[in-house]
Amino acid sequence: MYLKNLSLINFKNYEQLEIEFSQKINCFVGDNGVGKTNLLDAVYYLSFCKSRFNLIDSQNIKHDENFFVIQGNYYIRNENESVYCGIKRNKKKQFKRNKKEYKKLSDHIGLIPLVLISPYDSNLIIAGSDERRKFLNGVISQFDKQYLEDLIKYNRALSQRNSLLKNFAKTNTFNIETIEIWDEQLIKLGTSIYEKRVNFVNELMPVFQKYYEIISNGNEEVKLNFSSQLHDFDFPELLKNAIERDRILQYTTVGIHKDDLIFKLDDFLIKKNGSQGQQKTFLVALKLAQFDYMKNIYGFKPILLLDDVFDKFDLFRVKQIIKLVAENNFRQIFITDTNKDRVKNILNDSSIEYNLFNVSNDTIELSNNIKL
C-alpha cells in the first residue's frame, strides 16, 4: 500500500498544492513553521477523517477561506483507491471513497492503516490516562470495526448514565431501575472492550521490547503494563459497589473509561525517571511496535509518518531507526526535519529510494530524487 499523490486546496497554510510521492521515503525539509507538519497532517486526515493536531475541522481551513479539500490517490491491495475529504464552514464534513460518500465516517477507519510518530507523542507519557486510552482506542479501532462500534456505544451509554446521575441530584430523586438499564449496556460493551485491550497489550509487549532494544542498543529494560479495575473485579460488582459514590459525585467512577497504560523503565516510571532521550526512544519503539502489529493484522505495511523524530536523538539512535527502514521493515514513509544535510547523509548511507522536498512557506520543490 502507498499514497501516489496528494492534492490540497485551502488546507492550513496551503492555498493549492499537488504533489507526487515516492513509494519508499519522502522527506520534507525546511525551517520550523513553514508547513512541513501540515503535509503529514493532510495524509493523517485521509486515514482518520480528522486532524491529529487540531480536532476542530473549521480551524484547519486556510485563513479567510470558506472551505478546504484534501484528495489522495492510493494503491491498496492491488487496487487504485481515491479518497476525498471536504470541509465547508458550518457544513457537515464530506468524506468519499472512489466518489461515493460515506454514510458514517467510522466506516472509513481502517481502510488506510497509518502510524504517526511526532513530538506530540510526549503527551502519552506526561499527560493523563485519557491520552493513553486514546492510543489504545486509535490502534485497535483501525483493525477491529466491532471494537470501534462498541466504544462509541459505550461512551454514549456512559454519557447517558452520568446525565441521569446529575438529574437525580438536581431533583433529589433516585431510581435504581433506570440506572440498571445503562449498567447493562456498560457491562456488555465494557467487558468486550476490556478483553480486546488485554489481548492487544499482551501481544504488543514483546514487539515493543524488541524495538526498544534495537534503538537503545539494549542498555535498558522497558515494561508496558495495562491497568484496569476489571483485572480484580467483575464489572457488575464494580458498578454495584460504587453506586453510592457515583450518586454523591454525580458521575460514573468505575469502568473501562478508567483504564490506563503504565510505562516503566528498569522498574521505575519513565515519566519520573526517564531522560528526554529515553522517553523519546520509548515512544518511538512503542509506535514501531504498533506498526509491526498492524502489519501482521492487515497483511501489508501501513504508511509511516515521522514528524521531527530525529531531534534530540544521538547519531547512533538515528542510524538505528534508519537501519530498520533500510532493512525493508517498512513500505512508504514520510519524514519531516529541519536539517537537510542530516537527512541526506543518513539516507544516502542506507541505499534506499527517497524523494527530498524543500519546503518554504507554502511552496514545495523536489530537491533530488534518489533511486538506488
Protein backbone atom coordinates (compact mmCIF):
# COMPACT_ATOMS: atom_id res chain seq x y z
CA MET A 1 0.00 0.00 0.00
CA TYR A 2 1.18 3.51 -0.75
CA LEU A 3 -0.06 7.05 -1.42
CA LYS A 4 0.62 8.00 -5.04
CA ASN A 5 -0.23 11.69 -4.89
CA LEU A 6 -1.87 14.36 -2.76
CA SER A 7 -3.91 17.43 -3.66
CA LEU A 8 -4.68 20.27 -1.24
CA ILE A 9 -6.90 23.34 -1.55
CA ASN A 10 -7.04 25.88 1.30
CA PHE A 11 -5.72 23.40 3.83
CA LYS A 12 -3.95 25.23 6.66
CA ASN A 13 -1.18 27.31 5.05
CA TYR A 14 -1.56 25.74 1.57
CA GLU A 15 -3.75 27.58 -0.93
CA GLN A 16 -3.25 24.96 -3.64
CA LEU A 17 -0.82 22.08 -3.91
CA GLU A 18 -0.39 18.93 -5.95
CA ILE A 19 2.48 16.58 -5.16
CA GLU A 20 3.65 13.15 -6.35
CA PHE A 21 5.32 10.76 -3.91
CA SER A 22 7.93 8.04 -3.91
CA GLN A 23 6.69 4.59 -2.94
CA LYS A 24 9.50 4.44 -0.37
CA ILE A 25 10.71 7.52 1.56
CA ASN A 26 9.52 11.12 1.19
CA CYS A 27 11.42 13.78 3.17
CA PHE A 28 10.18 17.32 3.76
CA VAL A 29 12.94 19.63 4.96
CA GLY A 30 12.73 23.30 5.92
CA ASP A 31 12.62 25.74 8.80
CA ASN A 32 10.11 25.47 11.63
CA GLY A 33 6.69 26.91 10.83
CA VAL A 34 6.80 26.55 7.03
CA GLY A 35 4.17 23.81 6.82
CA LYS A 36 6.06 20.51 6.88
CA THR A 37 3.89 19.01 9.62
CA ASN A 38 0.76 20.26 7.82
CA LEU A 39 1.59 17.93 4.94
CA LEU A 40 1.76 14.95 7.29
CA ASP A 41 -1.50 16.06 8.89
CA ALA A 42 -3.20 16.04 5.49
CA VAL A 43 -2.09 12.42 4.99
CA TYR A 44 -3.31 11.65 8.53
CA TYR A 45 -6.70 13.24 7.72
CA LEU A 46 -7.24 10.83 4.84
CA SER A 47 -6.79 7.86 7.19
CA PHE A 48 -8.69 9.03 10.27
CA CYS A 49 -11.19 11.63 8.94
CA LYS A 50 -9.70 14.22 11.29
CA SER A 51 -6.58 16.19 12.08
CA ARG A 52 -4.06 14.85 14.56
CA PHE A 53 -3.19 18.34 15.76
CA ASN A 54 -6.43 20.34 15.63
CA LEU A 55 -9.69 18.44 16.08
CA ILE A 56 -11.88 21.43 15.13
CA ASP A 57 -12.23 20.94 11.38
CA SER A 58 -13.04 24.55 10.55
CA GLN A 59 -9.79 25.71 12.15
CA ASN A 60 -7.85 23.76 9.53
CA ILE A 61 -9.29 25.94 6.75
CA LYS A 62 -6.85 28.50 5.38
CA HIS A 63 -7.37 31.94 6.87
CA ASP A 64 -10.14 33.98 5.17
CA GLU A 65 -11.30 31.00 3.08
CA ASN A 66 -14.61 29.10 3.42
CA PHE A 67 -13.55 25.51 2.73
CA PHE A 68 -10.70 23.09 2.32
CA VAL A 69 -10.26 19.96 0.24
CA ILE A 70 -7.81 17.08 0.63
CA GLN A 71 -7.62 14.39 -2.03
CA GLY A 72 -5.32 11.40 -2.20
CA ASN A 73 -4.88 8.57 -4.66
CA TYR A 74 -3.68 5.28 -3.20
CA TYR A 75 -2.66 1.83 -4.31
CA ILE A 76 -4.15 -0.67 -1.83
CA ARG A 77 -4.35 -4.44 -2.22
CA ASN A 78 -3.65 -4.22 -5.97
CA GLU A 79 -6.45 -1.66 -6.42
CA ASN A 80 -6.46 2.08 -7.06
CA GLU A 81 -8.36 3.96 -4.37
CA SER A 82 -9.34 7.64 -4.36
CA VAL A 83 -10.15 9.35 -1.05
CA TYR A 84 -11.71 12.81 -0.74
CA CYS A 85 -12.20 15.00 2.31
CA GLY A 86 -14.10 18.28 2.04
CA ILE A 87 -14.92 20.77 4.80
CA LYS A 88 -17.08 23.88 4.48
CA ARG A 89 -17.64 26.27 7.34
CA ASN A 90 -20.84 25.45 9.22
CA LYS A 91 -21.45 22.42 6.98
CA LYS A 92 -21.22 18.68 7.50
CA LYS A 93 -17.88 17.07 6.71
CA GLN A 94 -17.80 15.15 3.42
CA PHE A 95 -15.72 12.01 3.08
CA LYS A 96 -15.73 9.96 -0.11
CA ARG A 97 -14.12 6.77 -1.32
CA ASN A 98 -13.98 6.48 -5.11
CA LYS A 99 -16.50 9.35 -5.36
CA LYS A 100 -19.04 7.57 -3.11
CA GLU A 101 -19.79 9.41 0.12
CA TYR A 102 -19.69 7.52 3.41
CA LYS A 103 -22.85 7.37 5.47
CA LYS A 104 -20.74 7.09 8.64
CA LEU A 105 -17.17 8.31 9.00
CA SER A 106 -16.41 5.27 11.16
CA ASP A 107 -16.91 3.10 8.04
CA HIS A 108 -13.72 4.61 6.59
CA ILE A 109 -11.50 3.91 9.60
CA GLY A 110 -9.15 1.04 8.82
CA LEU A 111 -9.06 1.35 5.03
CA ILE A 112 -5.70 3.16 5.14
CA PRO A 113 -3.72 1.97 8.18
CA LEU A 114 -1.26 4.59 9.34
CA VAL A 115 1.18 5.19 12.20
CA LEU A 116 2.32 8.69 13.16
CA ILE A 117 5.34 9.43 15.35
CA SER A 118 5.57 13.08 16.41
CA PRO A 119 6.70 15.34 19.27
CA TYR A 120 3.08 15.39 20.44
CA ASP A 121 3.50 11.74 21.45
CA SER A 122 5.19 13.00 24.60
CA ASN A 123 1.67 13.51 25.94
CA LEU A 124 1.40 9.73 26.16
CA ILE A 125 3.95 9.93 28.97
CA ILE A 126 3.36 13.28 30.64
CA ALA A 127 -0.43 13.71 30.27
CA GLY A 128 -3.30 11.90 31.96
CA SER A 129 -4.75 8.47 31.28
CA ASP A 130 -7.09 9.88 28.61
CA GLU A 131 -4.16 10.17 26.21
CA ARG A 132 -3.08 6.58 26.72
CA ARG A 133 -6.64 5.28 26.26
CA LYS A 134 -6.82 7.28 23.02
CA PHE A 135 -3.70 5.46 21.90
CA LEU A 136 -5.25 2.06 22.67
CA ASN A 137 -8.53 3.00 21.01
CA GLY A 138 -6.85 4.51 17.96
CA VAL A 139 -4.80 1.41 17.25
CA ILE A 140 -7.42 -1.26 17.92
CA SER A 141 -10.17 0.66 16.08
CA GLN A 142 -8.16 0.62 12.87
CA PHE A 143 -8.36 -3.14 12.50
CA ASP A 144 -11.43 -4.02 14.61
CA LYS A 145 -14.68 -2.42 13.44
CA GLN A 146 -16.68 -4.04 16.24
CA TYR A 147 -14.35 -2.54 18.84
CA LEU A 148 -14.93 0.93 17.40
CA GLU A 149 -18.71 0.45 17.34
CA ASP A 150 -18.70 -0.88 20.91
CA LEU A 151 -16.56 2.05 22.05
CA ILE A 152 -18.94 4.59 20.50
CA LYS A 153 -21.93 2.88 22.13
CA TYR A 154 -20.14 2.59 25.48
CA ASN A 155 -19.31 6.31 25.54
CA ARG A 156 -22.90 7.13 24.62
CA ALA A 157 -24.26 4.93 27.43
CA LEU A 158 -21.72 6.41 29.87
CA SER A 159 -22.84 9.92 28.96
CA GLN A 160 -26.49 8.98 29.49
CA ARG A 161 -25.75 7.40 32.86
CA ASN A 162 -23.81 10.46 34.00
CA SER A 163 -26.62 12.77 32.87
CA LEU A 164 -29.07 10.63 34.84
CA LEU A 165 -26.93 10.88 37.99
CA LYS A 166 -26.76 14.66 37.63
CA ASN A 167 -30.52 14.86 37.14
CA PHE A 168 -31.16 12.71 40.22
CA ALA A 169 -29.02 15.07 42.30
CA LYS A 170 -30.75 18.11 40.86
CA THR A 171 -34.28 16.78 41.51
CA ASN A 172 -33.39 14.99 44.75
CA THR A 173 -34.70 11.69 43.36
CA PHE A 174 -33.23 8.28 42.58
CA ASN A 175 -34.40 5.30 40.51
CA ILE A 176 -32.11 2.27 40.55
CA GLU A 177 -34.08 0.52 37.78
CA THR A 178 -33.29 3.34 35.35
CA ILE A 179 -29.62 3.24 36.32
CA GLU A 180 -29.51 -0.52 35.76
CA ILE A 181 -30.69 -0.09 32.17
CA TRP A 182 -27.48 1.79 31.40
CA ASP A 183 -25.45 -0.54 33.63
CA GLU A 184 -26.40 -3.47 31.44
CA GLN A 185 -25.06 -1.71 28.36
CA LEU A 186 -21.86 -0.61 30.08
CA ILE A 187 -21.22 -4.16 31.33
CA LYS A 188 -21.78 -5.85 27.98
CA LEU A 189 -19.83 -3.34 25.91
CA GLY A 190 -17.15 -2.62 28.51
CA THR A 191 -16.31 -6.28 29.09
CA SER A 192 -15.71 -6.85 25.37
CA ILE A 193 -13.57 -3.69 25.11
CA TYR A 194 -11.55 -4.71 28.17
CA GLU A 195 -10.79 -8.19 26.82
CA LYS A 196 -9.60 -6.80 23.50
CA ARG A 197 -7.37 -4.26 25.23
CA VAL A 198 -5.81 -7.01 27.36
CA ASN A 199 -5.08 -9.14 24.29
CA PHE A 200 -3.64 -6.22 22.37
CA VAL A 201 -1.23 -5.13 25.13
CA ASN A 202 -0.09 -8.70 25.76
CA GLU A 203 0.68 -9.21 22.08
CA LEU A 204 2.28 -5.78 21.66
CA MET A 205 4.66 -6.07 24.62
CA PRO A 206 7.33 -8.41 23.18
CA VAL A 207 7.42 -6.48 19.89
CA PHE A 208 7.80 -3.22 21.79
CA GLN A 209 10.67 -4.62 23.86
CA LYS A 210 12.41 -5.79 20.68
CA TYR A 211 12.30 -2.36 19.06
CA TYR A 212 13.42 -0.57 22.21
CA GLU A 213 16.41 -2.89 22.49
CA ILE A 214 17.40 -2.26 18.86
CA ILE A 215 17.16 1.54 19.09
CA SER A 216 18.78 1.86 22.54
CA ASN A 217 21.44 -0.84 21.96
CA GLY A 218 19.91 -2.95 24.72
CA ASN A 219 21.03 -0.83 27.63
CA GLU A 220 17.72 -0.64 29.47
CA GLU A 221 14.68 -2.79 30.23
CA VAL A 222 11.21 -1.43 29.46
CA LYS A 223 7.75 -2.57 30.50
CA LEU A 224 4.26 -1.80 29.29
CA ASN A 225 1.59 -2.65 31.89
CA PHE A 226 -2.15 -2.44 31.33
CA SER A 227 -4.04 -1.15 34.36
CA SER A 228 -7.78 -1.77 34.71
CA GLN A 229 -10.32 -2.02 37.51
CA LEU A 230 -11.66 -5.11 35.72
CA HIS A 231 -8.48 -7.05 36.50
CA ASP A 232 -9.66 -7.78 40.04
CA PHE A 233 -13.44 -7.30 39.94
CA ASP A 234 -16.35 -8.18 37.71
CA PHE A 235 -17.87 -5.13 36.09
CA PRO A 236 -21.35 -5.70 37.65
CA GLU A 237 -19.76 -5.89 41.09
CA LEU A 238 -17.79 -2.68 40.47
CA LEU A 239 -20.89 -0.75 39.47
CA LYS A 240 -22.92 -2.10 42.39
CA ASN A 241 -20.25 -1.22 44.95
CA ALA A 242 -19.72 2.26 43.50
CA ILE A 243 -23.33 3.40 43.19
CA GLU A 244 -23.39 5.49 46.38
CA ARG A 245 -20.13 7.21 45.45
CA ASP A 246 -21.47 7.79 41.94
CA ARG A 247 -24.61 9.42 43.39
CA ILE A 248 -22.53 11.78 45.50
CA LEU A 249 -20.06 12.70 42.76
CA GLN A 250 -22.75 12.67 40.03
CA TYR A 251 -20.70 10.68 37.53
CA THR A 252 -19.66 7.06 36.90
CA THR A 253 -16.46 6.40 38.83
CA VAL A 254 -15.71 2.85 37.66
CA GLY A 255 -15.37 1.15 34.31
CA ILE A 256 -13.10 0.72 31.31
CA HIS A 257 -13.07 4.53 30.87
CA LYS A 258 -10.62 4.49 33.80
CA ASP A 259 -8.16 2.06 32.13
CA ASP A 260 -4.55 3.13 31.77
CA LEU A 261 -1.14 2.09 30.44
CA ILE A 262 1.81 2.19 32.82
CA PHE A 263 5.17 2.95 31.18
CA LYS A 264 8.25 1.71 33.04
CA LEU A 265 11.99 1.87 32.52
CA ASP A 266 14.07 -0.50 34.68
CA ASP A 267 11.02 -0.94 37.00
CA PHE A 268 10.63 2.82 37.51
CA LEU A 269 8.01 5.11 35.98
CA ILE A 270 9.58 6.59 32.87
CA LYS A 271 7.61 9.80 33.44
CA LYS A 272 9.61 10.47 36.62
CA ASN A 273 12.91 8.73 35.97
CA GLY A 274 13.48 8.70 32.20
CA SER A 275 15.64 11.27 30.45
CA GLN A 276 14.25 13.15 27.45
CA GLY A 277 16.18 10.85 25.12
CA GLN A 278 14.97 7.73 26.92
CA GLN A 279 11.37 8.91 26.82
CA LYS A 280 11.62 9.63 23.11
CA THR A 281 13.20 6.22 22.46
CA PHE A 282 10.36 4.64 24.46
CA LEU A 283 7.72 6.38 22.35
CA VAL A 284 9.38 5.61 19.01
CA ALA A 285 9.73 1.93 19.99
CA LEU A 286 6.07 1.88 21.05
CA LYS A 287 4.91 3.30 17.73
CA LEU A 288 7.15 0.98 15.70
CA ALA A 289 5.71 -1.94 17.66
CA GLN A 290 2.25 -0.64 16.78
CA PHE A 291 3.33 -0.57 13.13
CA ASP A 292 4.61 -4.15 13.28
CA TYR A 293 1.43 -5.36 15.00
CA MET A 294 -0.81 -3.71 12.41
CA LYS A 295 1.30 -5.05 9.56
CA ASN A 296 0.65 -8.58 10.78
CA ILE A 297 -3.07 -7.93 11.18
CA TYR A 298 -3.56 -6.37 7.74
CA GLY A 299 -1.13 -8.48 5.77
CA PHE A 300 0.51 -5.37 4.32
CA LYS A 301 2.54 -2.46 5.68
CA PRO A 302 0.81 0.71 6.93
CA ILE A 303 2.00 4.19 6.00
CA LEU A 304 4.52 5.57 8.49
CA LEU A 305 4.79 9.29 9.32
CA LEU A 306 7.88 10.53 11.17
CA ASP A 307 7.45 14.14 12.25
CA ASP A 308 10.68 15.68 13.53
CA VAL A 309 11.72 12.40 15.20
CA PHE A 310 15.48 12.84 14.81
CA ASP A 311 15.65 15.92 17.01
CA LYS A 312 17.17 15.19 20.44
CA PHE A 313 18.40 11.75 19.34
CA ASP A 314 22.07 10.93 19.26
CA LEU A 315 23.53 9.77 15.95
CA PHE A 316 23.52 6.10 16.97
CA ARG A 317 19.78 6.04 17.65
CA VAL A 318 19.01 7.92 14.45
CA LYS A 319 21.04 5.42 12.43
CA GLN A 320 19.33 2.51 14.17
CA ILE A 321 15.92 3.86 13.13
CA ILE A 322 17.05 4.33 9.53
CA LYS A 323 18.64 0.87 9.57
CA LEU A 324 15.23 -0.58 10.39
CA VAL A 325 13.83 1.29 7.40
CA ALA A 326 16.61 0.13 5.09
CA GLU A 327 16.04 -3.49 6.06
CA ASN A 328 12.65 -3.32 4.34
CA ASN A 329 10.65 -3.46 7.55
CA PHE A 330 8.55 -0.59 6.19
CA ARG A 331 6.95 0.44 2.89
CA GLN A 332 6.10 4.12 2.41
CA ILE A 333 7.46 6.65 4.89
CA PHE A 334 7.02 10.42 5.21
CA ILE A 335 9.68 12.31 7.20
CA THR A 336 9.97 15.94 8.28
CA ASP A 337 13.19 17.53 9.51
CA THR A 338 14.80 20.94 9.78
CA ASN A 339 18.28 19.65 8.91
CA LYS A 340 18.58 18.85 5.20
CA ASP A 341 22.20 17.67 5.36
CA ARG A 342 21.49 15.31 8.26
CA VAL A 343 18.65 13.64 6.40
CA LYS A 344 20.58 13.37 3.13
CA ASN A 345 23.66 11.89 4.77
CA ILE A 346 21.71 9.31 6.75
CA LEU A 347 19.52 8.23 3.83
CA ASN A 348 22.39 8.11 1.36
CA ASP A 349 24.16 5.70 3.69
CA SER A 350 21.09 3.45 3.73
CA SER A 351 20.99 2.94 -0.07
CA ILE A 352 17.21 3.25 -0.29
CA GLU A 353 14.97 5.15 -2.69
CA TYR A 354 13.81 8.54 -1.48
CA ASN A 355 12.45 11.92 -2.57
CA LEU A 356 13.70 15.04 -0.82
CA PHE A 357 11.42 18.09 -0.88
CA ASN A 358 12.43 21.60 0.16
CA VAL A 359 9.55 23.31 1.95
CA SER A 360 9.43 27.10 2.18
CA ASN A 361 6.23 28.68 3.47
CA ASP A 362 3.53 27.30 1.15
CA THR A 363 5.83 26.20 -1.68
CA ILE A 364 7.46 22.79 -2.17
CA GLU A 365 10.27 21.86 -4.54
CA LEU A 366 11.67 18.42 -5.25
CA SER A 367 15.33 18.86 -4.38
CA ASN A 368 16.52 15.48 -5.59
CA ASN A 369 15.19 12.07 -6.45
CA ILE A 370 17.45 9.24 -5.37
CA LYS A 371 16.81 5.73 -6.64
CA LEU A 372 19.47 3.19 -5.74
